[in-house]
Structure formats: structure tokens, C-alpha cells
Amino acid sequence: MIRLTRLNRSEIVLNAVYIERIEAMPDTVVTLTTGRKVHVLEPVRTVIDLVSAYYRDINILPKLHDAPREE
């Protein structure tokens, strides 16, 4: 789950697995797989970083130090 801030400054916690698209229009709009759109204050890059961190936490993405090393 990731914490974001709606335009009215209220907090929303989203399950990042259900994020389909993140757009800047000029507000950041997070579109879920259900079609629901959430407008948030965080910039696109921040949302991407939060999603990536969440994926690493639940082992969907490997941690950088766990990546295989080339020899």
C-alpha cells in the first residue's frame, strides 16, 4: 500500500498493485485497474518511486543489492 495526498489535502492509501497508469495533466492522476481516477498532489516521479518501493517490499521487484552480479 502507498500513501498519497488528494488535492483537498486528505490522505488516501492505495494498493499499488491495482495502479494501471500515472499521468501528469497538470495534476497527477492515478488510474486504477477498476477505471477509478484519483487526483493527487505528489508528482509522477514520487508516485513511481513509492510504487517501486512497495513492489520491492512485497518482493515483486528485486532489491538492487539482491540482483545477480555479472562476472
PDB file of N, CA and C in Angstrom:
ATOM      1  N   MET A   1       0.848  -1.170   0.000  1.00  0.00           N
ATOM      2  CA  MET A   1       0.000   0.000   0.000  1.00  0.00           C
ATOM      3  C   MET A   1       0.900   1.243   0.000  1.00  0.00           C
ATOM      4  N   ILE A   2       0.434   2.276  -0.680  1.00  0.00           N
ATOM      5  CA  ILE A   2       1.179   3.539  -0.693  1.00  0.00           C
ATOM      6  C   ILE A   2       0.260   4.660  -0.215  1.00  0.00           C
ATOM      7  N   ARG A   3       0.849   5.626   0.490  1.00  0.00           N
ATOM      8  CA  ARG A   3       0.105   6.780   0.996  1.00  0.00           C
ATOM      9  C   ARG A   3       0.287   7.954   0.042  1.00  0.00           C
ATOM     10  N   LEU A   4      -0.828   8.533  -0.364  1.00  0.00           N
ATOM     11  CA  LEU A   4      -0.807   9.699  -1.239  1.00  0.00           C
ATOM     12  C   LEU A   4      -1.721  10.764  -0.656  1.00  0.00           C
ATOM     13  N   THR A   5      -1.610  11.983  -1.191  1.00  0.00           N
ATOM     14  CA  THR A   5      -2.414  13.102  -0.717  1.00  0.00           C
ATOM     15  C   THR A   5      -3.323  13.588  -1.832  1.00  0.00           C
ATOM     16  N   ARG A   6      -4.625  13.565  -1.575  1.00  0.00           N
ATOM     17  CA  ARG A   6      -5.582  14.087  -2.552  1.00  0.00           C
ATOM     18  C   ARG A   6      -5.435  15.596  -2.661  1.00  0.00           C
ATOM     19  N   LEU A   7      -6.054  16.187  -3.670  1.00  0.00           N
ATOM     20  CA  LEU A   7      -5.951  17.634  -3.877  1.00  0.00           C
ATOM     21  C   LEU A   7      -6.536  18.424  -2.714  1.00  0.00           C
ATOM     22  N   ASN A   8      -7.496  17.842  -1.983  1.00  0.00           N
ATOM     23  CA  ASN A   8      -8.090  18.537  -0.834  1.00  0.00           C
ATOM     24  C   ASN A   8      -7.283  18.316   0.444  1.00  0.00           C
ATOM     25  N   ARG A   9      -6.078  17.760   0.296  1.00  0.00           N
ATOM     26  CA  ARG A   9      -5.120  17.512   1.375  1.00  0.00           C
ATOM     27  C   ARG A   9      -5.483  16.321   2.265  1.00  0.00           C
ATOM     28  N   SER A  10      -6.492  15.552   1.909  1.00  0.00           N
ATOM     29  CA  SER A  10      -6.802  14.348   2.686  1.00  0.00           C
ATOM     30  C   SER A  10      -5.902  13.211   2.200  1.00  0.00           C
ATOM     31  N   GLU A  11      -5.588  12.321   3.119  1.00  0.00           N
ATOM     32  CA  GLU A  11      -4.711  11.204   2.790  1.00  0.00           C
ATOM     33  C   GLU A  11      -5.529  10.047   2.219  1.00  0.00           C
ATOM     34  N   ILE A  12      -4.925   9.371   1.249  1.00  0.00           N
ATOM     35  CA  ILE A  12      -5.535   8.158   0.702  1.00  0.00           C
ATOM     36  C   ILE A  12      -4.439   7.100   0.643  1.00  0.00           C
ATOM     37  N   VAL A  13      -4.811   5.887   0.959  1.00  0.00           N
ATOM     38  CA  VAL A  13      -3.877   4.767   0.885  1.00  0.00           C
ATOM     39  C   VAL A  13      -4.374   3.835  -0.213  1.00  0.00           C
ATOM     40  N   LEU A  14      -3.526   3.628  -1.213  1.00  0.00           N
ATOM     41  CA  LEU A  14      -3.906   2.808  -2.368  1.00  0.00           C
ATOM     42  C   LEU A  14      -3.089   1.525  -2.408  1.00  0.00           C
ATOM     43  N   ASN A  15      -3.711   0.473  -2.886  1.00  0.00           N
ATOM     44  CA  ASN A  15      -2.986  -0.756  -3.160  1.00  0.00           C
ATOM     45  C   ASN A  15      -2.300  -0.563  -4.510  1.00  0.00           C
ATOM     46  N   ALA A  16      -0.984  -0.445  -4.479  1.00  0.00           N
ATOM     47  CA  ALA A  16      -0.219  -0.123  -5.685  1.00  0.00           C
ATOM     48  C   ALA A  16      -0.333  -1.187  -6.768  1.00  0.00           C
ATOM     49  N   VAL A  17      -0.711  -2.390  -6.404  1.00  0.00           N
ATOM     50  CA  VAL A  17      -0.855  -3.461  -7.391  1.00  0.00           C
ATOM     51  C   VAL A  17      -1.962  -3.131  -8.391  1.00  0.00           C
ATOM     52  N   TYR A  18      -2.932  -2.336  -7.972  1.00  0.00           N
ATOM     53  CA  TYR A  18      -4.070  -2.012  -8.829  1.00  0.00           C
ATOM     54  C   TYR A  18      -3.892  -0.719  -9.631  1.00  0.00           C
ATOM     55  N   ILE A  19      -2.690  -0.151  -9.610  1.00  0.00           N
ATOM     56  CA  ILE A  19      -2.438   1.056 -10.401  1.00  0.00           C
ATOM     57  C   ILE A  19      -2.153   0.646 -11.843  1.00  0.00           C
ATOM     58  N   GLU A  20      -2.931   1.207 -12.746  1.00  0.00           N
ATOM     59  CA  GLU A  20      -2.761   0.923 -14.176  1.00  0.00           C
ATOM     60  C   GLU A  20      -1.919   1.995 -14.848  1.00  0.00           C
ATOM     61  N   ARG A  21      -2.125   3.259 -14.446  1.00  0.00           N
ATOM     62  CA  ARG A  21      -1.482   4.373 -15.147  1.00  0.00           C
ATOM     63  C   ARG A  21      -1.303   5.533 -14.179  1.00  0.00           C
ATOM     64  N   ILE A  22      -0.209   6.297 -14.387  1.00  0.00           N
ATOM     65  CA  ILE A  22       0.055   7.522 -13.631  1.00  0.00           C
ATOM     66  C   ILE A  22       0.345   8.606 -14.658  1.00  0.00           C
ATOM     67  N   GLU A  23      -0.417   9.707 -14.593  1.00  0.00           N
ATOM     68  CA  GLU A  23      -0.274  10.769 -15.590  1.00  0.00           C
ATOM     69  C   GLU A  23      -0.164  12.130 -14.915  1.00  0.00           C
ATOM     70  N   ALA A  24       0.517  13.056 -15.575  1.00  0.00           N
ATOM     71  CA  ALA A  24       0.564  14.455 -15.150  1.00  0.00           C
ATOM     72  C   ALA A  24      -0.291  15.248 -16.127  1.00  0.00           C
ATOM     73  N   MET A  25      -1.379  15.866 -15.610  1.00  0.00           N
ATOM     74  CA  MET A  25      -2.318  16.526 -16.540  1.00  0.00           C
ATOM     75  C   MET A  25      -2.926  17.821 -16.041  1.00  0.00           C
ATOM     76  N   PRO A  26      -2.473  18.828 -15.501  1.00  0.00           N
ATOM     77  CA  PRO A  26      -1.168  19.013 -14.864  1.00  0.00           C
ATOM     78  C   PRO A  26      -1.090  18.391 -13.476  1.00  0.00           C
ATOM     79  N   ASP A  27      -2.245  18.130 -12.811  1.00  0.00           N
ATOM     80  CA  ASP A  27      -2.195  17.393 -11.544  1.00  0.00           C
ATOM     81  C   ASP A  27      -1.824  15.950 -11.853  1.00  0.00           C
ATOM     82  N   THR A  28      -1.294  15.264 -10.860  1.00  0.00           N
ATOM     83  CA  THR A  28      -1.002  13.851 -11.047  1.00  0.00           C
ATOM     84  C   THR A  28      -2.295  13.068 -10.902  1.00  0.00           C
ATOM     85  N   VAL A  29      -2.576  12.234 -11.899  1.00  0.00           N
ATOM     86  CA  VAL A  29      -3.785  11.410 -11.891  1.00  0.00           C
ATOM     87  C   VAL A  29      -3.357   9.947 -11.890  1.00  0.00           C
ATOM     88  N   VAL A  30      -3.812   9.227 -10.869  1.00  0.00           N
ATOM     89  CA  VAL A  30      -3.540   7.801 -10.756  1.00  0.00           C
ATOM     90  C   VAL A  30      -4.806   7.071 -11.202  1.00  0.00           C
ATOM     91  N   THR A  31      -4.683   6.241 -12.230  1.00  0.00           N
ATOM     92  CA  THR A  31      -5.819   5.460 -12.715  1.00  0.00           C
ATOM     93  C   THR A  31      -5.647   4.022 -12.254  1.00  0.00           C
ATOM     94  N   LEU A  32      -6.691   3.503 -11.613  1.00  0.00           N
ATOM     95  CA  LEU A  32      -6.661   2.131 -11.118  1.00  0.00           C
ATOM     96  C   LEU A  32      -7.216   1.180 -12.171  1.00  0.00           C
ATOM     97  N   THR A  33      -6.975  -0.091 -11.991  1.00  0.00           N
ATOM     98  CA  THR A  33      -7.463  -1.088 -12.944  1.00  0.00           C
ATOM     99  C   THR A  33      -8.983  -1.139 -12.983  1.00  0.00           C
ATOM    100  N   THR A  34      -9.640  -0.585 -11.985  1.00  0.00           N
ATOM    101  CA  THR A  34     -11.108  -0.523 -11.960  1.00  0.00           C
ATOM    102  C   THR A  34     -11.641   0.628 -12.800  1.00  0.00           C
ATOM    103  N   GLY A  35     -10.733   1.511 -13.265  1.00  0.00           N
ATOM    104  CA  GLY A  35     -11.136   2.690 -14.015  1.00  0.00           C
ATOM    105  C   GLY A  35     -11.251   3.928 -13.146  1.00  0.00           C
ATOM    106  N   ARG A  36     -11.237   3.750 -11.827  1.00  0.00           N
ATOM    107  CA  ARG A  36     -11.316   4.892 -10.910  1.00  0.00           C
ATOM    108  C   ARG A  36     -10.064   5.744 -11.053  1.00  0.00           C
ATOM    109  N   LYS A  37     -10.254   7.061 -11.044  1.00  0.00           N
ATOM    110  CA  LYS A  37      -9.139   8.000 -11.147  1.00  0.00           C
ATOM    111  C   LYS A  37      -9.015   8.759  -9.833  1.00  0.00           C
ATOM    112  N   VAL A  38      -7.782   8.904  -9.359  1.00  0.00           N
ATOM    113  CA  VAL A  38      -7.509   9.623  -8.122  1.00  0.00           C
ATOM    114  C   VAL A  38      -6.520  10.735  -8.451  1.00  0.00           C
ATOM    115  N   HIS A  39      -6.894  11.981  -8.172  1.00  0.00           N
ATOM    116  CA  HIS A  39      -6.015  13.131  -8.373  1.00  0.00           C
ATOM    117  C   HIS A  39      -5.238  13.355  -7.086  1.00  0.00           C
ATOM    118  N   VAL A  40      -3.910  13.437  -7.204  1.00  0.00           N
ATOM    119  CA  VAL A  40      -3.072  13.572  -6.013  1.00  0.00           C
ATOM    120  C   VAL A  40      -2.083  14.719  -6.162  1.00  0.00           C
ATOM    121  N   LEU A  41      -1.561  15.171  -5.013  1.00  0.00           N
ATOM    122  CA  LEU A  41      -0.603  16.278  -5.002  1.00  0.00           C
ATOM    123  C   LEU A  41       0.816  15.844  -5.367  1.00  0.00           C
ATOM    124  N   GLU A  42       1.171  14.607  -5.078  1.00  0.00           N
ATOM    125  CA  GLU A  42       2.529  14.144  -5.326  1.00  0.00           C
ATOM    126  C   GLU A  42       2.829  14.134  -6.825  1.00  0.00           C
ATOM    127  N   PRO A  43       4.055  14.517  -7.200  1.00  0.00           N
ATOM    128  CA  PRO A  43       4.425  14.462  -8.623  1.00  0.00           C
ATOM    129  C   PRO A  43       4.536  13.008  -9.100  1.00  0.00           C
ATOM    130  N   VAL A  44       4.460  12.824 -10.404  1.00  0.00           N
ATOM    131  CA  VAL A  44       4.506  11.491 -11.008  1.00  0.00           C
ATOM    132  C   VAL A  44       5.729  10.713 -10.526  1.00  0.00           C
ATOM    133  N   ARG A  45       6.899  11.337 -10.540  1.00  0.00           N
ATOM    134  CA  ARG A  45       8.137  10.648 -10.141  1.00  0.00           C
ATOM    135  C   ARG A  45       8.031  10.103  -8.718  1.00  0.00           C
ATOM    136  N   THR A  46       7.433  10.875  -7.811  1.00  0.00           N
ATOM    137  CA  THR A  46       7.280  10.432  -6.424  1.00  0.00           C
ATOM    138  C   THR A  46       6.368   9.218  -6.344  1.00  0.00           C
ATOM    139  N   VAL A  47       5.272   9.245  -7.093  1.00  0.00           N
ATOM    140  CA  VAL A  47       4.345   8.105  -7.094  1.00  0.00           C
ATOM    141  C   VAL A  47       5.052   6.867  -7.644  1.00  0.00           C
ATOM    142  N   ILE A  48       5.809   7.028  -8.707  1.00  0.00           N
ATOM    143  CA  ILE A  48       6.561   5.904  -9.275  1.00  0.00           C
ATOM    144  C   ILE A  48       7.538   5.344  -8.248  1.00  0.00           C
ATOM    145  N   ASP A  49       8.241   6.231  -7.547  1.00  0.00           N
ATOM    146  CA  ASP A  49       9.194   5.782  -6.527  1.00  0.00           C
ATOM    147  C   ASP A  49       8.491   5.032  -5.398  1.00  0.00           C
ATOM    148  N   LEU A  50       7.330   5.528  -4.973  1.00  0.00           N
ATOM    149  CA  LEU A  50       6.563   4.855  -3.919  1.00  0.00           C
ATOM    150  C   LEU A  50       6.088   3.476  -4.374  1.00  0.00           C
ATOM    151  N   VAL A  51       5.618   3.393  -5.610  1.00  0.00           N
ATOM    152  CA  VAL A  51       5.159   2.107  -6.151  1.00  0.00           C
ATOM    153  C   VAL A  51       6.332   1.134  -6.245  1.00  0.00           C
ATOM    154  N   SER A  52       7.462   1.604  -6.746  1.00  0.00           N
ATOM    155  CA  SER A  52       8.644   0.741  -6.865  1.00  0.00           C
ATOM    156  C   SER A  52       9.095   0.233  -5.502  1.00  0.00           C
ATOM    157  N   ALA A  53       9.108   1.116  -4.507  1.00  0.00           N
ATOM    158  CA  ALA A  53       9.495   0.712  -3.150  1.00  0.00           C
ATOM    159  C   ALA A  53       8.520  -0.325  -2.598  1.00  0.00           C
ATOM    160  N   TYR A  54       7.237  -0.123  -2.846  1.00  0.00           N
ATOM    161  CA  TYR A  54       6.226  -1.082  -2.390  1.00  0.00           C
ATOM    162  C   TYR A  54       6.429  -2.434  -3.065  1.00  0.00           C
ATOM    163  N   TYR A  55       6.666  -2.430  -4.358  1.00  0.00           N
ATOM    164  CA  TYR A  55       6.906  -3.684  -5.080  1.00  0.00           C
ATOM    165  C   TYR A  55       8.128  -4.412  -4.520  1.00  0.00           C
ATOM    166  N   ARG A  56       9.188  -3.663  -4.194  1.00  0.00           N
ATOM    167  CA  ARG A  56      10.371  -4.288  -3.597  1.00  0.00           C
ATOM    168  C   ARG A  56      10.032  -4.868  -2.223  1.00  0.00           C
ATOM    169  N   ASP A  57       9.243  -4.127  -1.437  1.00  0.00           N
ATOM    170  CA  ASP A  57       8.864  -4.596  -0.095  1.00  0.00           C
ATOM    171  C   ASP A  57       8.093  -5.906  -0.139  1.00  0.00           C
ATOM    172  N   ILE A  58       7.268  -6.091  -1.158  1.00  0.00           N
ATOM    173  CA  ILE A  58       6.481  -7.327  -1.246  1.00  0.00           C
ATOM    174  C   ILE A  58       7.115  -8.326  -2.220  1.00  0.00           C
ATOM    175  N   ASN A  59       8.366  -8.062  -2.577  1.00  0.00           N
ATOM    176  CA  ASN A  59       9.171  -8.970  -3.404  1.00  0.00           C
ATOM    177  C   ASN A  59       8.639  -9.177  -4.816  1.00  0.00           C
ATOM    178  N   ILE A  60       8.004  -8.155  -5.382  1.00  0.00           N
ATOM    179  CA  ILE A  60       7.641  -8.215  -6.801  1.00  0.00           C
ATOM    180  C   ILE A  60       8.839  -7.771  -7.640  1.00  0.00           C
ATOM    181  N   LEU A  61       9.588  -6.801  -7.143  1.00  0.00           N
ATOM    182  CA  LEU A  61      10.817  -6.351  -7.801  1.00  0.00           C
ATOM    183  C   LEU A  61      11.996  -6.712  -6.913  1.00  0.00           C
ATOM    184  N   PRO A  62      13.115  -7.120  -7.501  1.00  0.00           N
ATOM    185  CA  PRO A  62      14.282  -7.435  -6.675  1.00  0.00           C
ATOM    186  C   PRO A  62      14.899  -6.165  -6.100  1.00  0.00           C
ATOM    187  N   LYS A  63      15.484  -6.306  -4.929  1.00  0.00           N
ATOM    188  CA  LYS A  63      16.248  -5.202  -4.351  1.00  0.00           C
ATOM    189  C   LYS A  63      17.559  -5.107  -5.125  1.00  0.00           C
ATOM    190  N   LEU A  64      18.106  -3.901  -5.233  1.00  0.00           N
ATOM    191  CA  LEU A  64      19.323  -3.720  -6.029  1.00  0.00           C
ATOM    192  C   LEU A  64      20.464  -4.585  -5.523  1.00  0.00           C
ATOM    193  N   HIS A  65      20.620  -4.692  -4.203  1.00  0.00           N
ATOM    194  CA  HIS A  65      21.737  -5.479  -3.679  1.00  0.00           C
ATOM    195  C   HIS A  65      21.508  -6.982  -3.835  1.00  0.00           C
ATOM    196  N   ASP A  66      20.283  -7.397  -4.185  1.00  0.00           N
ATOM    197  CA  ASP A  66      19.986  -8.810  -4.406  1.00  0.00           C
ATOM    198  C   ASP A  66      20.148  -9.216  -5.873  1.00  0.00           C
ATOM    199  N   ALA A  67      20.375  -8.244  -6.740  1.00  0.00           N
ATOM    200  CA  ALA A  67      20.475  -8.537  -8.168  1.00  0.00           C
ATOM    201  C   ALA A  67      21.715  -9.389  -8.437  1.00  0.00           C
ATOM    202  N   PRO A  68      21.614 -10.345  -9.359  1.00  0.00           N
ATOM    203  CA  PRO A  68      22.785 -11.171  -9.679  1.00  0.00           C
ATOM    204  C   PRO A  68      23.904 -10.315 -10.269  1.00  0.00           C
ATOM    205  N   ARG A  69      25.109 -10.649  -9.916  1.00  0.00           N
ATOM    206  CA  ARG A  69      26.264  -9.891 -10.408  1.00  0.00           C
ATOM    207  C   ARG A  69      26.860 -10.595 -11.621  1.00  0.00           C
ATOM    208  N   GLU A  70      27.232  -9.789 -12.601  1.00  0.00           N
ATOM    209  CA  GLU A  70      27.894 -10.346 -13.783  1.00  0.00           C
ATOM    210  C   GLU A  70      29.377 -10.454 -13.502  1.00  0.00           C
ATOM    211  N   GLU A  71      29.977 -11.543 -13.948  1.00  0.00           N
ATOM    212  CA  GLU A  71      31.418 -11.721 -13.728  1.00  0.00           C
ATOM    213  C   GLU A  71      32.154 -11.771 -15.028  1.00  0.00           C
TER     214      GLU A  71
END
